[in-house]
């Protein structure tokens, strides 16, 4: 089974080798028929402590690394070229 890849914005880099990424998604409300934005926070493992608050991040599923961390930062994400 392929691993999921999500894209979001880093909102916290306080933890050592950990970032918190907010991923937003949109859906059509079943009754009101309006577009609704939902967001969820994911704790991701960042081995190099490379990401800072405000950076775009791509995260991928992994085996549990701690109580909250089940995701890790993809190494091919080019955060330095975000201009």
Protein backbone atom coordinates (compact mmCIF):
# COMPACT_ATOMS: atom_id res chain seq x y z
CA UNK A 1 0.00 0.00 0.00
CA UNK A 2 1.47 3.40 -0.95
CA UNK A 3 2.29 5.89 1.75
CA UNK A 4 0.27 9.09 1.87
CA UNK A 5 2.00 12.38 1.14
CA UNK A 6 0.51 15.59 2.52
CA UNK A 7 1.48 19.22 1.99
CA UNK A 8 1.07 22.02 4.51
CA UNK A 9 2.61 24.91 6.41
CA UNK A 10 4.90 24.60 9.43
CA UNK A 11 3.29 26.31 12.45
CA UNK A 12 5.74 25.22 15.14
CA UNK A 13 9.37 24.11 15.26
CA UNK A 14 9.86 24.26 19.04
CA UNK A 15 10.54 20.54 19.55
CA UNK A 16 13.92 18.99 18.81
CA UNK A 17 13.75 17.23 15.41
CA UNK A 18 9.98 17.84 15.35
CA UNK A 19 7.76 20.22 13.39
CA UNK A 20 4.01 20.72 13.53
CA UNK A 21 2.44 21.01 10.09
CA UNK A 22 -1.09 22.28 9.39
CA UNK A 23 -2.71 20.62 6.38
CA UNK A 24 -5.83 22.25 4.95
CA UNK A 25 -8.39 20.48 2.77
CA UNK A 26 -11.67 21.57 1.22
CA UNK A 27 -14.90 19.68 0.81
CA UNK A 28 -18.45 20.30 -0.23
CA UNK A 29 -20.84 20.34 2.74
CA UNK A 30 -23.42 17.59 2.13
CA UNK A 31 -26.46 19.64 3.24
CA UNK A 32 -25.52 23.29 2.80
CA UNK A 33 -23.71 22.72 -0.54
CA UNK A 34 -20.99 25.20 0.39
CA UNK A 35 -17.24 24.75 0.23
CA UNK A 36 -15.88 24.16 3.74
CA UNK A 37 -12.20 24.38 4.71
CA UNK A 38 -10.95 21.87 7.27
CA UNK A 39 -7.49 21.87 8.81
CA UNK A 40 -5.57 19.32 10.84
CA UNK A 41 -2.21 19.43 12.62
CA UNK A 42 0.37 16.69 12.17
CA UNK A 43 3.58 16.21 14.18
CA UNK A 44 6.39 15.27 11.80
CA UNK A 45 9.98 14.15 12.28
CA UNK A 46 12.54 16.61 10.88
CA UNK A 47 15.95 14.98 11.33
CA UNK A 48 17.99 18.01 10.23
CA UNK A 49 15.90 20.67 12.00
CA UNK A 50 15.82 22.38 8.60
CA UNK A 51 12.25 23.69 8.54
CA UNK A 52 11.19 26.92 10.22
CA UNK A 53 7.77 28.46 10.96
CA UNK A 54 6.02 29.51 7.75
CA UNK A 55 7.84 27.07 5.46
CA UNK A 56 5.94 24.80 3.08
CA UNK A 57 6.46 21.15 4.03
CA UNK A 58 5.72 17.81 2.42
CA UNK A 59 5.26 14.98 4.91
CA UNK A 60 4.96 11.23 4.39
CA UNK A 61 3.58 8.45 6.57
CA UNK A 62 6.04 6.36 8.57
CA UNK A 63 6.19 3.93 11.45
CA UNK A 64 5.50 5.54 14.85
CA UNK A 65 8.55 7.43 16.12
CA UNK A 66 7.01 8.69 19.38
CA UNK A 67 3.64 9.17 21.04
CA UNK A 68 2.48 11.76 18.48
CA UNK A 69 4.89 11.45 15.54
CA UNK A 70 3.66 9.17 12.72
CA UNK A 71 4.89 11.37 9.87
CA UNK A 72 8.30 12.49 8.61
CA UNK A 73 9.42 15.36 6.41
CA UNK A 74 10.22 14.43 2.82
CA UNK A 75 13.85 15.23 2.07
CA UNK A 76 13.10 16.36 -1.52
CA UNK A 77 10.98 19.31 -0.37
CA UNK A 78 12.70 22.48 -1.55
CA UNK A 79 11.91 25.01 1.19
CA UNK A 80 14.83 27.33 0.46
CA UNK A 81 13.57 28.18 -3.04
CA UNK A 82 10.16 29.38 -1.84
CA UNK A 83 10.25 33.03 -2.91
